Amino acid sequence: MLGKELLLVPLLLPIFINSIIATNESNEEIEIHRLYTIEGKVYPPDVLFSRPNWQANTRIIVNGGEYIGFVKEDGSFVIHNIPSGSYILEVLNSEYTYEPVRVEINTKGKFRARKVNHVQTSLVIQLPYPLKLKPIGRTKYFQIREQWRITDFLFSPMVLMMVLPLVFLMVLPKMLNDPETRKELEQVQSLTKFEMPEMTDLVSNFLAGQGQHQTKKTSKSSKKRQ
């Protein structure tokens, strides 16, 4: 009997190993396909000035509408059936703007929330979880029209080009009539004035030098011929 049992061991061992591997694979598939829930709370802009039905006008969307959640009376929300991965959660409200949040869920079910930064993707600023979403400010649908101001007209380049020369013409004569300012200007001119020869003197000296050089050459050639 013992010999027959020993003969059955090699036959049953592969079946036992295959069953263990199959159970492990099924457990891994269950962990991979496990679904999670994202929880949080949306705070109104101000209790005094917020509408009584602001919860009904607010939606929670994940990845641009792939998953949608609704806000309860106390502002809390729960989004079900979300697999592990990285998601961007946004709050849609017609009157107020909320900052989007990135929620990351690993395969072990751990959550991490951080701010969305499209410019510096490596910069990580963590946020508390469950989420606490507060409004940034009122949503602006229209751009404020620019208003005409007198300062814009006065400081325009064309007006400055026309007005500044007139101001200098009116102010400079009065400054020159003042003896102190005149003395200061004369001192500045005396410091910056250099005795430079006139252009006619330079030309005449240059031509005279060339004439003397030519006469010297002719006198030397005549002496050699003699």
C-alpha atoms as a PDB file:
ATOM      1  CA  MET A   1       0.000   0.000   0.000  1.00  0.00           C
ATOM      2  CA  LEU A   2       2.765   2.421   0.888  1.00  0.00           C
ATOM      3  CA  GLY A   3       4.472   1.735  -2.438  1.00  0.00           C
ATOM      4  CA  LYS A   4       1.289   2.573  -4.370  1.00  0.00           C
ATOM      5  CA  GLU A   5       0.927   5.882  -2.492  1.00  0.00           C
ATOM      6  CA  LEU A   6       4.526   6.799  -3.287  1.00  0.00           C
ATOM      7  CA  LEU A   7       3.860   6.110  -6.958  1.00  0.00           C
ATOM      8  CA  LEU A   8       0.873   8.486  -6.933  1.00  0.00           C
ATOM      9  CA  VAL A   9       2.907  11.382  -5.474  1.00  0.00           C
ATOM     10  CA  PRO A  10       4.752  12.288  -8.738  1.00  0.00           C
ATOM     11  CA  LEU A  11       1.443  12.186 -10.589  1.00  0.00           C
ATOM     12  CA  LEU A  12      -0.421  14.408  -8.137  1.00  0.00           C
ATOM     13  CA  LEU A  13       2.418  16.917  -7.539  1.00  0.00           C
ATOM     14  CA  PRO A  14       2.097  18.747 -10.925  1.00  0.00           C
ATOM     15  CA  ILE A  15      -1.677  19.013 -10.445  1.00  0.00           C
ATOM     16  CA  PHE A  16      -1.171  20.522  -6.993  1.00  0.00           C
ATOM     17  CA  ILE A  17       1.435  23.034  -8.271  1.00  0.00           C
ATOM     18  CA  ASN A  18      -0.803  24.061 -11.192  1.00  0.00           C
ATOM     19  CA  SER A  19      -3.726  24.640  -8.837  1.00  0.00           C
ATOM     20  CA  ILE A  20      -1.567  26.877  -6.611  1.00  0.00           C
ATOM     21  CA  ILE A  21      -0.363  28.895  -9.636  1.00  0.00           C
ATOM     22  CA  ALA A  22      -3.933  29.260 -10.896  1.00  0.00           C
ATOM     23  CA  THR A  23      -5.164  30.520  -7.530  1.00  0.00           C
ATOM     24  CA  ASN A  24      -2.311  33.058  -7.347  1.00  0.00           C
ATOM     25  CA  GLU A  25      -3.062  34.304 -10.855  1.00  0.00           C
ATOM     26  CA  SER A  26      -6.748  34.623 -10.052  1.00  0.00           C
ATOM     27  CA  ASN A  27      -5.922  36.567  -6.884  1.00  0.00           C
ATOM     28  CA  GLU A  28      -3.645  38.902  -8.875  1.00  0.00           C
ATOM     29  CA  GLU A  29      -6.370  39.449 -11.469  1.00  0.00           C
ATOM     30  CA  ILE A  30      -8.859  40.237  -8.703  1.00  0.00           C
ATOM     31  CA  GLU A  31      -6.409  42.784  -7.229  1.00  0.00           C
ATOM     32  CA  ILE A  32      -5.792  44.334 -10.645  1.00  0.00           C
ATOM     33  CA  HIS A  33      -9.494  44.616 -11.457  1.00  0.00           C
ATOM     34  CA  ARG A  34     -10.453  45.770  -7.980  1.00  0.00           C
ATOM     35  CA  LEU A  35     -12.542  48.934  -8.023  1.00  0.00           C
ATOM     36  CA  TYR A  36     -12.211  51.844  -5.609  1.00  0.00           C
ATOM     37  CA  THR A  37     -14.125  54.964  -4.601  1.00  0.00           C
ATOM     38  CA  ILE A  38     -12.966  58.599  -4.549  1.00  0.00           C
ATOM     39  CA  GLU A  39     -14.344  60.589  -1.640  1.00  0.00           C
ATOM     40  CA  GLY A  40     -14.259  64.235  -0.690  1.00  0.00           C
ATOM     41  CA  LYS A  41     -16.182  67.351   0.166  1.00  0.00           C
ATOM     42  CA  VAL A  42     -16.978  70.501  -1.806  1.00  0.00           C
ATOM     43  CA  TYR A  43     -17.212  73.706   0.185  1.00  0.00           C
ATOM     44  CA  PRO A  44     -19.495  76.537  -0.965  1.00  0.00           C
ATOM     45  CA  PRO A  45     -17.996  79.991  -1.573  1.00  0.00           C
ATOM     46  CA  ASP A  46     -19.816  81.616   1.313  1.00  0.00           C
ATOM     47  CA  VAL A  47     -22.658  80.346   3.421  1.00  0.00           C
ATOM     48  CA  LEU A  48     -24.372  83.750   3.504  1.00  0.00           C
ATOM     49  CA  PHE A  49     -24.175  84.489  -0.232  1.00  0.00           C
ATOM     50  CA  SER A  50     -24.392  80.980  -1.700  1.00  0.00           C
ATOM     51  CA  ARG A  51     -27.617  79.792  -3.247  1.00  0.00           C
ATOM     52  CA  PRO A  52     -29.653  77.245  -1.277  1.00  0.00           C
ATOM     53  CA  ASN A  53     -29.536  74.694  -4.147  1.00  0.00           C
ATOM     54  CA  TRP A  54     -25.864  75.068  -5.092  1.00  0.00           C
ATOM     55  CA  GLN A  55     -25.383  71.302  -4.616  1.00  0.00           C
ATOM     56  CA  ALA A  56     -27.832  70.548  -7.433  1.00  0.00           C
ATOM     57  CA  ASN A  57     -25.891  72.854  -9.793  1.00  0.00           C
ATOM     58  CA  THR A  58     -22.524  71.256  -8.969  1.00  0.00           C
ATOM     59  CA  ARG A  59     -21.034  68.181 -10.648  1.00  0.00           C
ATOM     60  CA  ILE A  60     -17.852  66.204 -10.009  1.00  0.00           C
ATOM     61  CA  ILE A  61     -16.208  64.867 -13.159  1.00  0.00           C
ATOM     62  CA  VAL A  62     -13.167  62.603 -13.458  1.00  0.00           C
ATOM     63  CA  ASN A  63     -10.961  62.607 -16.579  1.00  0.00           C
ATOM     64  CA  GLY A  64     -13.216  64.975 -18.486  1.00  0.00           C
ATOM     65  CA  GLY A  65     -16.463  63.116 -17.846  1.00  0.00           C
ATOM     66  CA  GLU A  66     -15.332  59.474 -17.803  1.00  0.00           C
ATOM     67  CA  TYR A  67     -16.774  59.264 -14.280  1.00  0.00           C
ATOM     68  CA  ILE A  68     -19.395  61.635 -12.852  1.00  0.00           C
ATOM     69  CA  GLY A  69     -20.369  62.273  -9.244  1.00  0.00           C
ATOM     70  CA  PHE A  70     -23.023  64.338  -7.483  1.00  0.00           C
ATOM     71  CA  VAL A  71     -22.801  66.501  -4.383  1.00  0.00           C
ATOM     72  CA  LYS A  72     -24.903  65.730  -1.318  1.00  0.00           C
ATOM     73  CA  GLU A  73     -26.589  68.287   0.919  1.00  0.00           C
ATOM     74  CA  ASP A  74     -23.590  68.512   3.253  1.00  0.00           C
ATOM     75  CA  GLY A  75     -21.227  68.980   0.269  1.00  0.00           C
ATOM     76  CA  SER A  76     -19.718  65.488   0.362  1.00  0.00           C
ATOM     77  CA  PHE A  77     -19.430  63.261  -2.716  1.00  0.00           C
ATOM     78  CA  VAL A  78     -18.479  59.660  -3.497  1.00  0.00           C
ATOM     79  CA  ILE A  79     -17.526  58.327  -6.940  1.00  0.00           C
ATOM     80  CA  HIS A  80     -17.687  54.521  -7.202  1.00  0.00           C
ATOM     81  CA  ASN A  81     -16.230  51.837  -9.490  1.00  0.00           C
ATOM     82  CA  ILE A  82     -12.892  53.472 -10.283  1.00  0.00           C
ATOM     83  CA  PRO A  83      -9.919  51.191 -11.026  1.00  0.00           C
ATOM     84  CA  SER A  84      -6.354  51.937  -9.977  1.00  0.00           C
ATOM     85  CA  GLY A  85      -4.584  54.653 -11.940  1.00  0.00           C
ATOM     86  CA  SER A  86      -4.087  58.421 -12.161  1.00  0.00           C
ATOM     87  CA  TYR A  87      -7.125  60.689 -12.571  1.00  0.00           C
ATOM     88  CA  ILE A  88      -7.858  64.425 -12.768  1.00  0.00           C
ATOM     89  CA  LEU A  89     -10.889  65.434 -10.726  1.00  0.00           C
ATOM     90  CA  GLU A  90     -12.715  68.691 -11.458  1.00  0.00           C
ATOM     91  CA  VAL A  91     -15.663  70.517  -9.893  1.00  0.00           C
ATOM     92  CA  LEU A  92     -18.118  72.069 -12.324  1.00  0.00           C
ATOM     93  CA  ASN A  93     -20.186  74.969 -11.058  1.00  0.00           C
ATOM     94  CA  SER A  94     -21.820  77.695 -13.108  1.00  0.00           C
ATOM     95  CA  GLU A  95     -20.920  80.508 -10.701  1.00  0.00           C
ATOM     96  CA  TYR A  96     -17.606  79.586  -9.048  1.00  0.00           C
ATOM     97  CA  THR A  97     -14.311  78.084 -10.191  1.00  0.00           C
ATOM     98  CA  TYR A  98     -12.556  75.259  -8.332  1.00  0.00           C
ATOM     99  CA  GLU A  99      -8.962  74.144  -8.759  1.00  0.00           C
ATOM    100  CA  PRO A 100      -8.565  70.681 -10.371  1.00  0.00           C
ATOM    101  CA  VAL A 101      -6.904  67.898  -8.375  1.00  0.00           C
ATOM    102  CA  ARG A 102      -4.962  64.833  -9.496  1.00  0.00           C
ATOM    103  CA  VAL A 103      -5.855  61.633  -7.598  1.00  0.00           C
ATOM    104  CA  GLU A 104      -3.542  58.618  -7.878  1.00  0.00           C
ATOM    105  CA  ILE A 105      -4.628  55.114  -6.808  1.00  0.00           C
ATOM    106  CA  ASN A 106      -2.088  52.294  -6.745  1.00  0.00           C
ATOM    107  CA  THR A 107      -2.825  48.583  -7.012  1.00  0.00           C
ATOM    108  CA  LYS A 108      -2.784  48.221  -3.220  1.00  0.00           C
ATOM    109  CA  GLY A 109      -5.584  50.761  -2.808  1.00  0.00           C
ATOM    110  CA  LYS A 110      -3.504  53.663  -1.469  1.00  0.00           C
ATOM    111  CA  PHE A 111      -4.672  57.156  -2.451  1.00  0.00           C
ATOM    112  CA  ARG A 112      -2.550  60.224  -3.082  1.00  0.00           C
ATOM    113  CA  ALA A 113      -3.919  63.653  -4.031  1.00  0.00           C
ATOM    114  CA  ARG A 114      -1.827  66.518  -5.419  1.00  0.00           C
ATOM    115  CA  LYS A 115      -2.222  69.770  -7.296  1.00  0.00           C
ATOM    116  CA  VAL A 116      -2.344  69.771 -11.081  1.00  0.00           C
ATOM    117  CA  ASN A 117       0.683  71.548 -12.565  1.00  0.00           C
ATOM    118  CA  HIS A 118       0.909  71.432 -16.361  1.00  0.00           C
ATOM    119  CA  VAL A 119       4.017  73.652 -16.471  1.00  0.00           C
ATOM    120  CA  GLN A 120       6.211  71.875 -13.894  1.00  0.00           C
ATOM    121  CA  THR A 121       5.006  68.289 -13.984  1.00  0.00           C
ATOM    122  CA  SER A 122       7.790  67.102 -11.660  1.00  0.00           C
ATOM    123  CA  LEU A 123       6.703  69.517  -8.909  1.00  0.00           C
ATOM    124  CA  VAL A 124       4.501  67.609  -6.433  1.00  0.00           C
ATOM    125  CA  ILE A 125       2.341  69.486  -3.923  1.00  0.00           C
ATOM    126  CA  GLN A 126       0.342  66.976  -1.944  1.00  0.00           C
ATOM    127  CA  LEU A 127      -3.195  67.617  -0.732  1.00  0.00           C
ATOM    128  CA  PRO A 128      -5.123  65.954   2.089  1.00  0.00           C
ATOM    129  CA  TYR A 129      -7.310  62.985   1.320  1.00  0.00           C
ATOM    130  CA  PRO A 130     -10.360  62.704   1.483  1.00  0.00           C
ATOM    131  CA  LEU A 131     -10.457  65.747  -0.741  1.00  0.00           C
ATOM    132  CA  LYS A 132     -11.429  69.205   0.511  1.00  0.00           C
ATOM    133  CA  LEU A 133     -12.257  71.407  -2.451  1.00  0.00           C
ATOM    134  CA  LYS A 134     -12.695  75.152  -1.997  1.00  0.00           C
ATOM    135  CA  PRO A 135     -13.496  77.742  -4.681  1.00  0.00           C
ATOM    136  CA  ILE A 136     -10.805  80.006  -6.124  1.00  0.00           C
ATOM    137  CA  GLY A 137     -13.238  82.766  -7.047  1.00  0.00           C
ATOM    138  CA  ARG A 138     -16.253  83.675  -9.117  1.00  0.00           C
ATOM    139  CA  THR A 139     -16.237  82.455 -12.698  1.00  0.00           C
ATOM    140  CA  LYS A 140     -15.670  85.222 -15.278  1.00  0.00           C
ATOM    141  CA  TYR A 141     -17.426  84.644 -18.576  1.00  0.00           C
ATOM    142  CA  PHE A 142     -16.847  88.108 -20.065  1.00  0.00           C
ATOM    143  CA  GLN A 143     -13.815  90.360 -20.299  1.00  0.00           C
ATOM    144  CA  ILE A 144     -14.152  93.850 -18.844  1.00  0.00           C
ATOM    145  CA  ARG A 145     -14.233  96.469 -21.586  1.00  0.00           C
ATOM    146  CA  GLU A 146     -11.417  99.001 -21.464  1.00  0.00           C
ATOM    147  CA  GLN A 147     -12.545 102.498 -20.464  1.00  0.00           C
ATOM    148  CA  TRP A 148     -11.246 105.728 -21.949  1.00  0.00           C
ATOM    149  CA  ARG A 149      -9.075 107.728 -19.557  1.00  0.00           C
ATOM    150  CA  ILE A 150      -7.518 111.167 -19.868  1.00  0.00           C
ATOM    151  CA  THR A 151      -4.152 109.784 -18.740  1.00  0.00           C
ATOM    152  CA  ASP A 152      -4.084 107.434 -21.754  1.00  0.00           C
ATOM    153  CA  PHE A 153      -4.457 110.464 -24.016  1.00  0.00           C
ATOM    154  CA  LEU A 154      -1.860 112.588 -22.216  1.00  0.00           C
ATOM    155  CA  PHE A 155       0.787 109.868 -22.095  1.00  0.00           C
ATOM    156  CA  SER A 156       0.351 108.732 -25.681  1.00  0.00           C
ATOM    157  CA  PRO A 157       3.538 108.995 -27.827  1.00  0.00           C
ATOM    158  CA  MET A 158       2.061 111.510 -30.293  1.00  0.00           C
ATOM    159  CA  VAL A 159       1.012 113.926 -27.560  1.00  0.00           C
ATOM    160  CA  LEU A 160       4.377 113.637 -25.820  1.00  0.00           C
ATOM    161  CA  MET A 161       6.204 114.366 -29.086  1.00  0.00           C
ATOM    162  CA  MET A 162       4.096 117.506 -29.560  1.00  0.00           C
ATOM    163  CA  VAL A 163       4.045 118.789 -25.983  1.00  0.00           C
ATOM    164  CA  LEU A 164       7.607 118.174 -24.777  1.00  0.00           C
ATOM    165  CA  PRO A 165       9.317 120.408 -27.394  1.00  0.00           C
ATOM    166  CA  LEU A 166       6.933 123.244 -26.535  1.00  0.00           C
ATOM    167  CA  VAL A 167       7.696 122.826 -22.853  1.00  0.00           C
ATOM    168  CA  PHE A 168      11.434 122.973 -23.530  1.00  0.00           C
ATOM    169  CA  LEU A 169      11.014 126.096 -25.656  1.00  0.00           C
ATOM    170  CA  MET A 170       9.152 127.800 -22.847  1.00  0.00           C
ATOM    171  CA  VAL A 171      11.382 126.659 -20.003  1.00  0.00           C
ATOM    172  CA  LEU A 172      14.873 126.959 -21.502  1.00  0.00           C
ATOM    173  CA  PRO A 173      14.814 130.765 -22.097  1.00  0.00           C
ATOM    174  CA  LYS A 174      13.816 131.333 -18.480  1.00  0.00           C
ATOM    175  CA  MET A 175      16.612 129.042 -17.332  1.00  0.00           C
ATOM    176  CA  LEU A 176      19.150 130.929 -19.491  1.00  0.00           C
ATOM    177  CA  ASN A 177      18.071 134.272 -18.052  1.00  0.00           C
ATOM    178  CA  ASP A 178      19.035 133.062 -14.619  1.00  0.00           C
ATOM    179  CA  PRO A 179      22.702 134.110 -13.967  1.00  0.00           C
ATOM    180  CA  GLU A 180      23.518 131.060 -11.863  1.00  0.00           C
ATOM    181  CA  THR A 181      22.367 128.616 -14.500  1.00  0.00           C
ATOM    182  CA  ARG A 182      24.243 130.623 -17.156  1.00  0.00           C
ATOM    183  CA  LYS A 183      27.470 130.363 -15.144  1.00  0.00           C
ATOM    184  CA  GLU A 184      26.983 126.629 -14.745  1.00  0.00           C
ATOM    185  CA  LEU A 185      26.457 126.234 -18.496  1.00  0.00           C
ATOM    186  CA  GLU A 186      29.595 128.279 -19.237  1.00  0.00           C
ATOM    187  CA  GLN A 187      31.610 126.106 -16.851  1.00  0.00           C
ATOM    188  CA  VAL A 188      30.353 122.970 -18.506  1.00  0.00           C
ATOM    189  CA  GLN A 189      31.174 124.375 -21.955  1.00  0.00           C
ATOM    190  CA  SER A 190      34.666 125.345 -20.814  1.00  0.00           C
ATOM    191  CA  LEU A 191      35.291 121.831 -19.539  1.00  0.00           C
ATOM    192  CA  THR A 192      34.034 120.189 -22.715  1.00  0.00           C
ATOM    193  CA  LYS A 193      35.667 122.676 -25.115  1.00  0.00           C
ATOM    194  CA  PHE A 194      38.887 121.483 -26.788  1.00  0.00           C
ATOM    195  CA  GLU A 195      41.141 123.599 -29.005  1.00  0.00           C
ATOM    196  CA  MET A 196      40.802 121.842 -32.314  1.00  0.00           C
ATOM    197  CA  PRO A 197      42.391 123.249 -35.478  1.00  0.00           C
ATOM    198  CA  GLU A 198      40.146 124.306 -38.273  1.00  0.00           C
ATOM    199  CA  MET A 199      39.637 122.129 -41.291  1.00  0.00           C
ATOM    200  CA  THR A 200      41.095 124.722 -43.733  1.00  0.00           C
ATOM    201  CA  ASP A 201      44.344 124.891 -41.740  1.00  0.00           C
ATOM    202  CA  LEU A 202      44.678 121.121 -41.802  1.00  0.00           C
ATOM    203  CA  VAL A 203      44.162 120.994 -45.596  1.00  0.00           C
ATOM    204  CA  SER A 204      46.610 123.848 -46.281  1.00  0.00           C
ATOM    205  CA  ASN A 205      49.316 122.307 -44.074  1.00  0.00           C
ATOM    206  CA  PHE A 206      48.835 118.936 -45.769  1.00  0.00           C
ATOM    207  CA  LEU A 207      49.145 120.461 -49.257  1.00  0.00           C
ATOM    208  CA  ALA A 208      52.164 122.543 -48.217  1.00  0.00           C
ATOM    209  CA  GLY A 209      53.909 119.448 -46.877  1.00  0.00           C
ATOM    210  CA  GLN A 210      53.361 117.612 -50.133  1.00  0.00           C
ATOM    211  CA  GLY A 211      54.740 120.580 -52.167  1.00  0.00           C
ATOM    212  CA  GLN A 212      57.926 120.746 -50.063  1.00  0.00           C
ATOM    213  CA  HIS A 213      58.425 117.009 -50.482  1.00  0.00           C
ATOM    214  CA  GLN A 214      58.161 117.289 -54.296  1.00  0.00           C
ATOM    215  CA  THR A 215      60.631 120.217 -54.475  1.00  0.00           C
ATOM    216  CA  LYS A 216      63.159 118.193 -52.458  1.00  0.00           C
ATOM    217  CA  LYS A 217      62.841 115.286 -54.921  1.00  0.00           C
ATOM    218  CA  THR A 218      63.347 117.570 -57.982  1.00  0.00           C
ATOM    219  CA  SER A 219      66.419 119.228 -56.414  1.00  0.00           C
ATOM    220  CA  LYS A 220      68.023 115.853 -55.686  1.00  0.00           C
ATOM    221  CA  SER A 221      67.415 114.623 -59.272  1.00  0.00           C
ATOM    222  CA  SER A 222      68.950 117.790 -60.759  1.00  0.00           C
ATOM    223  CA  LYS A 223      72.101 117.419 -58.617  1.00  0.00           C
ATOM    224  CA  LYS A 224      72.545 113.836 -59.804  1.00  0.00           C
ATOM    225  CA  ARG A 225      72.328 114.897 -63.462  1.00  0.00           C
ATOM    226  CA  GLN A 226      74.993 117.532 -62.926  1.00  0.00           C
END
